[in-house]
All heavy atoms as atom14 arrays in JSON, in Angstrom:
{
  "sequence": "VTVSYFEWVQNRQRFYWAEEKVNEELERHIVDAFEGLIDAYESYEIPN",
  "atom14_mask": [
    [1, 1, 1, 1, 1, 1, 1, 0, 0, 0, 0, 0, 0, 0],
    [1, 1, 1, 1, 1, 1, 1, 0, 0, 0, 0, 0, 0, 0],
    [1, 1, 1, 1, 1, 1, 1, 0, 0, 0, 0, 0, 0, 0],
    [1, 1, 1, 1, 1, 1, 0, 0, 0, 0, 0, 0, 0, 0],
    [1, 1, 1, 1, 1, 1, 1, 1, 1, 1, 1, 1, 0, 0],
    [1, 1, 1, 1, 1, 1, 1, 1, 1, 1, 1, 0, 0, 0],
    [1, 1, 1, 1, 1, 1, 1, 1, 1, 0, 0, 0, 0, 0],
    [1, 1, 1, 1, 1, 1, 1, 1, 1, 1, 1, 1, 1, 1],
    [1, 1, 1, 1, 1, 1, 1, 0, 0, 0, 0, 0, 0, 0],
    [1, 1, 1, 1, 1, 1, 1, 1, 1, 0, 0, 0, 0, 0],
    [1, 1, 1, 1, 1, 1, 1, 1, 0, 0, 0, 0, 0, 0],
    [1, 1, 1, 1, 1, 1, 1, 1, 1, 1, 1, 0, 0, 0],
    [1, 1, 1, 1, 1, 1, 1, 1, 1, 0, 0, 0, 0, 0],
    [1, 1, 1, 1, 1, 1, 1, 1, 1, 1, 1, 0, 0, 0],
    [1, 1, 1, 1, 1, 1, 1, 1, 1, 1, 1, 0, 0, 0],
    [1, 1, 1, 1, 1, 1, 1, 1, 1, 1, 1, 1, 0, 0],
    [1, 1, 1, 1, 1, 1, 1, 1, 1, 1, 1, 1, 1, 1],
    [1, 1, 1, 1, 1, 0, 0, 0, 0, 0, 0, 0, 0, 0],
    [1, 1, 1, 1, 1, 1, 1, 1, 1, 0, 0, 0, 0, 0],
    [1, 1, 1, 1, 1, 1, 1, 1, 1, 0, 0, 0, 0, 0],
    [1, 1, 1, 1, 1, 1, 1, 1, 1, 0, 0, 0, 0, 0],
    [1, 1, 1, 1, 1, 1, 1, 0, 0, 0, 0, 0, 0, 0],
    [1, 1, 1, 1, 1, 1, 1, 1, 0, 0, 0, 0, 0, 0],
    [1, 1, 1, 1, 1, 1, 1, 1, 1, 0, 0, 0, 0, 0],
    [1, 1, 1, 1, 1, 1, 1, 1, 1, 0, 0, 0, 0, 0],
    [1, 1, 1, 1, 1, 1, 1, 1, 0, 0, 0, 0, 0, 0],
    [1, 1, 1, 1, 1, 1, 1, 1, 1, 0, 0, 0, 0, 0],
    [1, 1, 1, 1, 1, 1, 1, 1, 1, 1, 1, 0, 0, 0],
    [1, 1, 1, 1, 1, 1, 1, 1, 1, 1, 0, 0, 0, 0],
    [1, 1, 1, 1, 1, 1, 1, 1, 0, 0, 0, 0, 0, 0],
    [1, 1, 1, 1, 1, 1, 1, 0, 0, 0, 0, 0, 0, 0],
    [1, 1, 1, 1, 1, 1, 1, 1, 0, 0, 0, 0, 0, 0],
    [1, 1, 1, 1, 1, 0, 0, 0, 0, 0, 0, 0, 0, 0],
    [1, 1, 1, 1, 1, 1, 1, 1, 1, 1, 1, 0, 0, 0],
    [1, 1, 1, 1, 1, 1, 1, 1, 1, 0, 0, 0, 0, 0],
    [1, 1, 1, 1, 0, 0, 0, 0, 0, 0, 0, 0, 0, 0],
    [1, 1, 1, 1, 1, 1, 1, 1, 0, 0, 0, 0, 0, 0],
    [1, 1, 1, 1, 1, 1, 1, 1, 0, 0, 0, 0, 0, 0],
    [1, 1, 1, 1, 1, 1, 1, 1, 0, 0, 0, 0, 0, 0],
    [1, 1, 1, 1, 1, 0, 0, 0, 0, 0, 0, 0, 0, 0],
    [1, 1, 1, 1, 1, 1, 1, 1, 1, 1, 1, 1, 0, 0],
    [1, 1, 1, 1, 1, 1, 1, 1, 1, 0, 0, 0, 0, 0],
    [1, 1, 1, 1, 1, 1, 0, 0, 0, 0, 0, 0, 0, 0],
    [1, 1, 1, 1, 1, 1, 1, 1, 1, 1, 1, 1, 0, 0],
    [1, 1, 1, 1, 1, 1, 1, 1, 1, 0, 0, 0, 0, 0],
    [1, 1, 1, 1, 1, 1, 1, 1, 0, 0, 0, 0, 0, 0],
    [1, 1, 1, 1, 1, 1, 1, 0, 0, 0, 0, 0, 0, 0],
    [1, 1, 1, 1, 1, 1, 1, 1, 0, 0, 0, 0, 0, 0]
  ],
  "atom14_positions": [
    [[0.78, -1.23, 0.0], [-0.04, 0.05, 0.03], [0.94, 1.2, 0.01], [0.5, 2.33, -0.56], [-0.99, 0.03, 1.16], [-0.35, 0.2, 2.52], [-2.03, 1.11, 0.96], [0.0, 0.0, 0.0], [0.0, 0.0, 0.0], [0.0, 0.0, 0.0], [0.0, 0.0, 0.0], [0.0, 0.0, 0.0], [0.0, 0.0, 0.0], [0.0, 0.0, 0.0]],
    [[2.07, 1.22, 0.54], [2.91, 2.43, 0.59], [3.39, 2.7, -0.77], [3.41, 3.84, -1.28], [4.16, 2.06, 1.52], [3.66, 1.79, 2.78], [5.06, 3.21, 1.56], [0.0, 0.0, 0.0], [0.0, 0.0, 0.0], [0.0, 0.0, 0.0], [0.0, 0.0, 0.0], [0.0, 0.0, 0.0], [0.0, 0.0, 0.0], [0.0, 0.0, 0.0]],
    [[3.86, 1.67, -1.59], [4.29, 1.98, -2.95], [3.02, 2.28, -3.84], [3.11, 2.94, -4.86], [5.16, 0.73, -3.45], [5.53, 1.07, -5.0], [6.37, 0.7, -2.72], [0.0, 0.0, 0.0], [0.0, 0.0, 0.0], [0.0, 0.0, 0.0], [0.0, 0.0, 0.0], [0.0, 0.0, 0.0], [0.0, 0.0, 0.0], [0.0, 0.0, 0.0]],
    [[1.87, 1.65, -3.48], [0.67, 2.06, -4.18], [0.44, 3.54, -3.99], [-0.07, 4.28, -4.94], [-0.58, 1.28, -3.65], [-0.59, 0.08, -4.36], [0.0, 0.0, 0.0], [0.0, 0.0, 0.0], [0.0, 0.0, 0.0], [0.0, 0.0, 0.0], [0.0, 0.0, 0.0], [0.0, 0.0, 0.0], [0.0, 0.0, 0.0], [0.0, 0.0, 0.0]],
    [[0.58, 4.04, -2.86], [0.55, 5.53, -2.61], [1.56, 6.33, -3.41], [1.21, 7.3, -4.09], [0.84, 5.73, -1.03], [1.01, 7.26, -0.73], [0.11, 8.22, -0.96], [2.23, 7.53, -0.07], [0.29, 9.55, -0.66], [2.42, 8.97, 0.23], [1.39, 9.89, -0.11], [1.69, 11.23, 0.19], [0.0, 0.0, 0.0], [0.0, 0.0, 0.0]],
    [[2.74, 5.84, -3.49], [3.77, 6.41, -4.37], [3.27, 6.4, -5.86], [3.41, 7.43, -6.65], [5.07, 5.72, -4.31], [5.69, 5.67, -2.97], [6.74, 4.79, -2.69], [5.33, 6.59, -1.94], [7.36, 4.74, -1.52], [5.93, 6.51, -0.68], [6.99, 5.61, -0.49], [0.0, 0.0, 0.0], [0.0, 0.0, 0.0], [0.0, 0.0, 0.0]],
    [[2.64, 5.31, -6.27], [2.07, 5.17, -7.56], [1.02, 6.26, -7.87], [0.99, 6.95, -8.86], [1.59, 3.78, -7.84], [1.0, 3.66, -9.24], [0.52, 2.23, -9.5], [1.0, 1.28, -8.83], [-0.33, 2.04, -10.43], [0.0, 0.0, 0.0], [0.0, 0.0, 0.0], [0.0, 0.0, 0.0], [0.0, 0.0, 0.0], [0.0, 0.0, 0.0]],
    [[0.19, 6.38, -6.94], [-0.97, 7.37, -6.95], [-0.43, 8.77, -7.05], [-0.85, 9.54, -7.77], [-1.84, 7.2, -5.7], [-3.11, 8.11, -5.63], [-4.21, 8.01, -6.3], [-3.18, 9.23, -4.68], [-5.09, 8.95, -5.8], [-4.44, 9.72, -4.86], [-2.37, 9.73, -3.67], [-4.96, 10.8, -4.04], [-2.81, 10.76, -2.92], [-4.11, 11.3, -3.11]],
    [[0.56, 9.1, -6.27], [1.16, 10.36, -6.23], [1.82, 10.74, -7.65], [1.58, 11.73, -8.22], [2.23, 10.52, -5.2], [3.11, 11.85, -5.4], [1.59, 10.54, -3.75], [0.0, 0.0, 0.0], [0.0, 0.0, 0.0], [0.0, 0.0, 0.0], [0.0, 0.0, 0.0], [0.0, 0.0, 0.0], [0.0, 0.0, 0.0], [0.0, 0.0, 0.0]],
    [[2.51, 9.68, -8.23], [3.09, 9.85, -9.59], [2.06, 10.03, -10.57], [2.22, 10.84, -11.44], [3.92, 8.57, -9.83], [5.2, 8.6, -8.85], [5.84, 7.2, -9.05], [6.62, 6.91, -10.04], [5.66, 6.25, -8.13], [0.0, 0.0, 0.0], [0.0, 0.0, 0.0], [0.0, 0.0, 0.0], [0.0, 0.0, 0.0], [0.0, 0.0, 0.0]],
    [[0.9, 9.24, -10.43], [-0.23, 9.33, -11.51], [-0.8, 10.72, -11.44], [-1.11, 11.36, -12.47], [-1.34, 8.38, -11.15], [-0.91, 6.93, -11.52], [-1.56, 5.96, -10.82], [0.08, 6.66, -12.18], [0.0, 0.0, 0.0], [0.0, 0.0, 0.0], [0.0, 0.0, 0.0], [0.0, 0.0, 0.0], [0.0, 0.0, 0.0], [0.0, 0.0, 0.0]],
    [[-0.94, 11.32, -10.24], [-1.61, 12.73, -10.05], [-0.66, 13.76, -10.54], [-1.04, 14.71, -11.09], [-1.92, 12.98, -8.67], [-2.82, 11.88, -7.95], [-4.13, 11.63, -8.65], [-5.05, 12.69, -8.85], [-5.86, 13.11, -7.98], [-6.03, 12.43, -6.82], [-6.71, 14.05, -8.16], [0.0, 0.0, 0.0], [0.0, 0.0, 0.0], [0.0, 0.0, 0.0]],
    [[0.69, 13.61, -10.43], [1.63, 14.57, -10.9], [2.15, 14.34, -12.32], [2.55, 15.26, -12.9], [2.86, 14.53, -10.05], [2.57, 14.91, -8.62], [3.98, 14.74, -7.75], [4.9, 14.01, -8.03], [3.95, 15.57, -6.61], [0.0, 0.0, 0.0], [0.0, 0.0, 0.0], [0.0, 0.0, 0.0], [0.0, 0.0, 0.0], [0.0, 0.0, 0.0]],
    [[1.74, 13.19, -12.87], [2.23, 12.78, -14.17], [3.69, 12.93, -14.22], [4.28, 13.32, -15.28], [1.6, 13.65, -15.29], [0.08, 13.63, -15.4], [-0.47, 12.2, -15.7], [-1.81, 12.2, -16.24], [-2.92, 12.15, -15.47], [-2.75, 12.13, -14.2], [-4.09, 12.1, -16.04], [0.0, 0.0, 0.0], [0.0, 0.0, 0.0], [0.0, 0.0, 0.0]],
    [[4.33, 12.51, -13.19], [5.87, 12.56, -12.97], [6.31, 11.3, -12.41], [5.83, 11.01, -11.29], [6.26, 13.81, -12.25], [7.89, 13.95, -12.24], [8.49, 14.48, -13.26], [8.5, 13.41, -11.15], [9.94, 14.58, -13.28], [9.96, 13.55, -11.03], [10.6, 14.13, -12.13], [0.0, 0.0, 0.0], [0.0, 0.0, 0.0], [0.0, 0.0, 0.0]],
    [[7.19, 10.55, -12.96], [7.44, 9.15, -12.5], [8.83, 9.07, -11.93], [9.87, 9.62, -12.41], [7.12, 8.13, -13.46], [5.64, 8.04, -13.89], [5.05, 9.02, -14.77], [4.86, 7.21, -13.12], [3.82, 8.98, -14.87], [3.46, 7.15, -13.38], [2.95, 8.07, -14.26], [1.57, 8.08, -14.4], [0.0, 0.0, 0.0], [0.0, 0.0, 0.0]],
    [[8.98, 8.26, -10.81], [10.27, 8.06, -10.08], [11.04, 6.88, -10.6], [10.53, 5.84, -11.12], [9.93, 7.89, -8.61], [9.06, 8.86, -7.94], [8.74, 10.07, -8.43], [8.53, 8.82, -6.65], [7.92, 10.76, -7.53], [7.87, 9.96, -6.38], [8.56, 7.85, -5.64], [7.18, 10.26, -5.19], [8.03, 8.12, -4.48], [7.32, 9.23, -4.19]],
    [[12.34, 6.89, -10.39], [13.12, 5.76, -10.56], [12.97, 4.72, -9.5], [12.6, 5.08, -8.31], [14.66, 6.12, -10.71], [0.0, 0.0, 0.0], [0.0, 0.0, 0.0], [0.0, 0.0, 0.0], [0.0, 0.0, 0.0], [0.0, 0.0, 0.0], [0.0, 0.0, 0.0], [0.0, 0.0, 0.0], [0.0, 0.0, 0.0], [0.0, 0.0, 0.0]],
    [[13.31, 3.48, -9.79], [13.07, 2.4, -8.77], [13.9, 2.63, -7.59], [13.46, 2.39, -6.43], [13.5, 1.01, -9.44], [13.24, -0.12, -8.44], [13.36, -1.47, -9.12], [13.77, -1.56, -10.3], [13.18, -2.45, -8.38], [0.0, 0.0, 0.0], [0.0, 0.0, 0.0], [0.0, 0.0, 0.0], [0.0, 0.0, 0.0], [0.0, 0.0, 0.0]],
    [[15.08, 3.18, -7.66], [15.97, 3.46, -6.51], [15.3, 4.48, -5.59], [15.29, 4.2, -4.31], [17.25, 4.13, -6.99], [18.33, 4.46, -5.91], [19.55, 4.97, -6.27], [19.65, 5.39, -7.57], [20.54, 5.06, -5.57], [0.0, 0.0, 0.0], [0.0, 0.0, 0.0], [0.0, 0.0, 0.0], [0.0, 0.0, 0.0], [0.0, 0.0, 0.0]],
    [[14.6, 5.51, -6.09], [13.81, 6.41, -5.24], [12.66, 5.81, -4.48], [12.44, 6.01, -3.35], [13.32, 7.66, -6.04], [12.49, 8.48, -5.13], [12.22, 9.87, -5.82], [11.39, 10.72, -4.88], [11.17, 12.18, -5.27], [0.0, 0.0, 0.0], [0.0, 0.0, 0.0], [0.0, 0.0, 0.0], [0.0, 0.0, 0.0], [0.0, 0.0, 0.0]],
    [[11.92, 4.9, -5.28], [10.74, 4.24, -4.75], [11.25, 3.38, -3.58], [10.69, 3.35, -2.43], [10.22, 3.4, -5.78], [9.11, 2.46, -5.07], [9.53, 4.17, -6.87], [0.0, 0.0, 0.0], [0.0, 0.0, 0.0], [0.0, 0.0, 0.0], [0.0, 0.0, 0.0], [0.0, 0.0, 0.0], [0.0, 0.0, 0.0], [0.0, 0.0, 0.0]],
    [[12.38, 2.66, -3.69], [12.86, 1.75, -2.6], [13.36, 2.52, -1.42], [13.22, 2.09, -0.35], [13.92, 0.81, -3.19], [13.31, -0.21, -4.09], [12.15, -0.57, -4.12], [14.22, -0.85, -4.94], [0.0, 0.0, 0.0], [0.0, 0.0, 0.0], [0.0, 0.0, 0.0], [0.0, 0.0, 0.0], [0.0, 0.0, 0.0], [0.0, 0.0, 0.0]],
    [[14.03, 3.67, -1.72], [14.55, 4.47, -0.64], [13.4, 5.05, 0.17], [13.39, 5.1, 1.52], [15.43, 5.56, -1.14], [16.7, 5.23, -1.75], [17.5, 6.4, -2.36], [16.85, 7.51, -2.35], [18.61, 6.22, -2.71], [0.0, 0.0, 0.0], [0.0, 0.0, 0.0], [0.0, 0.0, 0.0], [0.0, 0.0, 0.0], [0.0, 0.0, 0.0]],
    [[12.32, 5.55, -0.49], [11.14, 6.07, 0.24], [10.4, 5.09, 1.02], [9.99, 5.23, 2.15], [10.2, 6.82, -0.74], [10.83, 8.13, -1.31], [10.96, 9.19, -0.26], [10.06, 9.29, 0.64], [11.99, 9.95, -0.27], [0.0, 0.0, 0.0], [0.0, 0.0, 0.0], [0.0, 0.0, 0.0], [0.0, 0.0, 0.0], [0.0, 0.0, 0.0]],
    [[10.4, 3.83, 0.38], [9.68, 2.76, 1.04], [10.46, 2.34, 2.32], [9.89, 2.31, 3.48], [9.56, 1.57, 0.25], [9.06, 0.19, 0.89], [7.73, 0.37, 1.39], [9.09, -0.91, -0.15], [0.0, 0.0, 0.0], [0.0, 0.0, 0.0], [0.0, 0.0, 0.0], [0.0, 0.0, 0.0], [0.0, 0.0, 0.0], [0.0, 0.0, 0.0]],
    [[11.71, 2.26, 2.29], [12.56, 1.87, 3.4], [12.34, 2.94, 4.55], [12.26, 2.65, 5.71], [14.03, 1.73, 3.02], [14.94, 1.4, 4.25], [16.28, 1.09, 3.85], [16.61, 1.01, 2.65], [17.07, 0.74, 4.71], [0.0, 0.0, 0.0], [0.0, 0.0, 0.0], [0.0, 0.0, 0.0], [0.0, 0.0, 0.0], [0.0, 0.0, 0.0]],
    [[12.27, 4.27, 4.15], [12.15, 5.28, 5.17], [10.78, 5.17, 5.88], [10.77, 5.31, 7.08], [12.2, 6.69, 4.54], [12.03, 7.93, 5.43], [12.27, 9.17, 4.74], [11.27, 9.5, 3.73], [10.05, 10.05, 4.05], [9.67, 10.25, 5.27], [9.18, 10.21, 3.09], [0.0, 0.0, 0.0], [0.0, 0.0, 0.0], [0.0, 0.0, 0.0]],
    [[9.68, 4.92, 5.14], [8.4, 4.69, 5.73], [8.44, 3.57, 6.57], [7.8, 3.65, 7.77], [7.42, 4.61, 4.63], [6.79, 5.84, 4.18], [7.55, 6.65, 3.25], [5.67, 6.54, 4.31], [6.79, 7.81, 2.98], [5.68, 7.66, 3.6], [0.0, 0.0, 0.0], [0.0, 0.0, 0.0], [0.0, 0.0, 0.0], [0.0, 0.0, 0.0]],
    [[8.87, 2.43, 6.23], [8.86, 1.2, 7.08], [9.72, 1.35, 8.36], [9.28, 0.97, 9.34], [9.22, -0.07, 6.27], [8.31, -0.36, 5.07], [9.43, -1.24, 7.19], [6.88, -0.64, 5.51], [0.0, 0.0, 0.0], [0.0, 0.0, 0.0], [0.0, 0.0, 0.0], [0.0, 0.0, 0.0], [0.0, 0.0, 0.0], [0.0, 0.0, 0.0]],
    [[10.88, 1.95, 8.23], [11.8, 2.08, 9.36], [11.14, 3.04, 10.33], [11.11, 2.88, 11.58], [13.23, 2.51, 8.89], [13.98, 2.94, 10.16], [13.89, 1.43, 8.17], [0.0, 0.0, 0.0], [0.0, 0.0, 0.0], [0.0, 0.0, 0.0], [0.0, 0.0, 0.0], [0.0, 0.0, 0.0], [0.0, 0.0, 0.0], [0.0, 0.0, 0.0]],
    [[10.6, 4.17, 9.81], [9.9, 5.07, 10.75], [8.69, 4.47, 11.45], [8.42, 4.61, 12.6], [9.39, 6.4, 9.87], [10.57, 7.22, 9.5], [11.73, 7.06, 10.0], [10.34, 8.2, 8.66], [0.0, 0.0, 0.0], [0.0, 0.0, 0.0], [0.0, 0.0, 0.0], [0.0, 0.0, 0.0], [0.0, 0.0, 0.0], [0.0, 0.0, 0.0]],
    [[7.92, 3.65, 10.66], [6.82, 2.96, 11.27], [7.25, 2.0, 12.31], [6.58, 1.8, 13.36], [5.88, 2.38, 10.18], [0.0, 0.0, 0.0], [0.0, 0.0, 0.0], [0.0, 0.0, 0.0], [0.0, 0.0, 0.0], [0.0, 0.0, 0.0], [0.0, 0.0, 0.0], [0.0, 0.0, 0.0], [0.0, 0.0, 0.0], [0.0, 0.0, 0.0]],
    [[8.33, 1.24, 12.02], [8.89, 0.3, 13.01], [9.22, 1.05, 14.29], [9.0, 0.64, 15.46], [9.98, -0.45, 12.46], [10.5, -1.6, 13.3], [10.01, -2.94, 13.11], [11.44, -1.44, 14.4], [10.46, -3.92, 13.97], [11.95, -2.41, 15.16], [11.35, -3.7, 14.92], [0.0, 0.0, 0.0], [0.0, 0.0, 0.0], [0.0, 0.0, 0.0]],
    [[9.91, 2.19, 14.16], [10.36, 2.91, 15.33], [9.18, 3.45, 16.08], [9.13, 3.34, 17.35], [11.25, 4.11, 14.93], [12.68, 3.48, 14.44], [13.5, 4.71, 13.9], [13.01, 5.84, 13.75], [14.67, 4.44, 13.49], [0.0, 0.0, 0.0], [0.0, 0.0, 0.0], [0.0, 0.0, 0.0], [0.0, 0.0, 0.0], [0.0, 0.0, 0.0]],
    [[8.03, 3.83, 15.49], [6.82, 4.29, 16.02], [6.16, 3.13, 16.84], [5.75, 3.31, 17.97], [0.0, 0.0, 0.0], [0.0, 0.0, 0.0], [0.0, 0.0, 0.0], [0.0, 0.0, 0.0], [0.0, 0.0, 0.0], [0.0, 0.0, 0.0], [0.0, 0.0, 0.0], [0.0, 0.0, 0.0], [0.0, 0.0, 0.0], [0.0, 0.0, 0.0]],
    [[6.3, 1.89, 16.28], [5.67, 0.72, 16.97], [6.46, 0.51, 18.17], [5.87, 0.22, 19.27], [5.69, -0.44, 16.04], [5.28, -1.87, 16.47], [4.75, -2.65, 15.41], [6.41, -2.57, 17.18], [0.0, 0.0, 0.0], [0.0, 0.0, 0.0], [0.0, 0.0, 0.0], [0.0, 0.0, 0.0], [0.0, 0.0, 0.0], [0.0, 0.0, 0.0]],
    [[7.83, 0.53, 18.16], [8.6, 0.09, 19.35], [8.39, 1.25, 20.37], [8.36, 1.02, 21.61], [10.12, 0.16, 18.97], [10.27, -1.06, 17.98], [11.0, 0.03, 20.12], [9.95, -2.44, 18.54], [0.0, 0.0, 0.0], [0.0, 0.0, 0.0], [0.0, 0.0, 0.0], [0.0, 0.0, 0.0], [0.0, 0.0, 0.0], [0.0, 0.0, 0.0]],
    [[8.23, 2.46, 19.98], [8.02, 3.63, 20.99], [6.69, 3.3, 21.77], [6.72, 3.45, 22.95], [7.94, 4.92, 20.22], [7.82, 6.08, 21.23], [8.67, 6.24, 22.11], [6.78, 6.81, 21.15], [0.0, 0.0, 0.0], [0.0, 0.0, 0.0], [0.0, 0.0, 0.0], [0.0, 0.0, 0.0], [0.0, 0.0, 0.0], [0.0, 0.0, 0.0]],
    [[5.67, 2.96, 20.99], [4.37, 2.65, 21.69], [4.62, 1.39, 22.61], [4.11, 1.31, 23.76], [3.25, 2.43, 20.66], [0.0, 0.0, 0.0], [0.0, 0.0, 0.0], [0.0, 0.0, 0.0], [0.0, 0.0, 0.0], [0.0, 0.0, 0.0], [0.0, 0.0, 0.0], [0.0, 0.0, 0.0], [0.0, 0.0, 0.0], [0.0, 0.0, 0.0]],
    [[5.21, 0.38, 22.05], [5.44, -0.95, 22.82], [6.08, -0.63, 24.09], [5.72, -1.21, 25.25], [6.23, -1.91, 21.93], [6.61, -3.13, 22.61], [5.72, -4.14, 22.7], [7.89, -3.32, 22.89], [6.11, -5.38, 23.21], [8.38, -4.52, 23.47], [7.55, -5.54, 23.67], [7.85, -6.73, 24.16], [0.0, 0.0, 0.0], [0.0, 0.0, 0.0]],
    [[7.14, 0.16, 24.18], [7.9, 0.42, 25.31], [7.23, 1.49, 26.25], [7.23, 1.25, 27.48], [9.37, 0.85, 24.89], [10.13, -0.23, 24.21], [11.51, 0.23, 23.82], [11.85, 1.57, 23.99], [12.39, -0.56, 23.54], [0.0, 0.0, 0.0], [0.0, 0.0, 0.0], [0.0, 0.0, 0.0], [0.0, 0.0, 0.0], [0.0, 0.0, 0.0]],
    [[6.65, 2.41, 25.67], [6.04, 3.53, 26.47], [4.92, 3.15, 27.27], [4.58, 3.46, 28.35], [5.69, 4.75, 25.5], [6.78, 5.27, 24.78], [0.0, 0.0, 0.0], [0.0, 0.0, 0.0], [0.0, 0.0, 0.0], [0.0, 0.0, 0.0], [0.0, 0.0, 0.0], [0.0, 0.0, 0.0], [0.0, 0.0, 0.0], [0.0, 0.0, 0.0]],
    [[3.98, 2.26, 26.56], [2.84, 1.86, 27.27], [2.93, 0.42, 27.85], [2.01, -0.05, 28.52], [1.64, 1.75, 26.24], [1.3, 3.06, 25.67], [1.72, 3.61, 24.36], [0.4, 3.92, 26.34], [1.26, 4.8, 23.89], [-0.04, 5.13, 25.82], [0.43, 5.62, 24.58], [-0.01, 6.71, 24.1], [0.0, 0.0, 0.0], [0.0, 0.0, 0.0]],
    [[4.2, -0.12, 27.83], [4.43, -1.48, 28.32], [3.3, -2.44, 27.83], [2.72, -3.16, 28.52], [4.46, -1.45, 29.81], [5.7, -0.51, 30.32], [5.71, -0.51, 31.93], [4.72, -1.09, 32.57], [6.63, -0.06, 32.44], [0.0, 0.0, 0.0], [0.0, 0.0, 0.0], [0.0, 0.0, 0.0], [0.0, 0.0, 0.0], [0.0, 0.0, 0.0]],
    [[3.19, -2.47, 26.56], [2.24, -3.3, 25.84], [2.81, -4.73, 25.7], [3.93, -4.92, 25.42], [1.92, -2.75, 24.39], [1.24, -1.34, 24.6], [0.9, -3.61, 23.67], [0.97, -0.63, 23.36], [0.0, 0.0, 0.0], [0.0, 0.0, 0.0], [0.0, 0.0, 0.0], [0.0, 0.0, 0.0], [0.0, 0.0, 0.0], [0.0, 0.0, 0.0]],
    [[1.88, -5.83, 25.88], [2.54, -7.18, 25.93], [3.01, -7.71, 24.57], [3.72, -8.58, 24.54], [1.3, -7.93, 26.38], [0.07, -7.14, 26.13], [0.52, -5.76, 26.24], [0.0, 0.0, 0.0], [0.0, 0.0, 0.0], [0.0, 0.0, 0.0], [0.0, 0.0, 0.0], [0.0, 0.0, 0.0], [0.0, 0.0, 0.0], [0.0, 0.0, 0.0]],
    [[2.54, -7.17, 23.45], [2.98, -7.72, 22.19], [2.98, -6.61, 21.12], [2.37, -5.52, 21.26], [2.08, -8.89, 21.75], [0.63, -8.48, 21.62], [0.27, -7.63, 20.77], [-0.27, -9.2, 22.25], [0.0, 0.0, 0.0], [0.0, 0.0, 0.0], [0.0, 0.0, 0.0], [0.0, 0.0, 0.0], [0.0, 0.0, 0.0], [0.0, 0.0, 0.0]]
  ]
}
């Protein structure tokens, strides 16, 4: 869904990205999301 979002953005702009940029942006989103998950897990002392 993240790269689908990138596809939708490119469709709306009529400007397309290289695969390297797509993968870099995807990695940034997933790593940021993972860090957000860990922050919640530790801050709220959630069991899983």
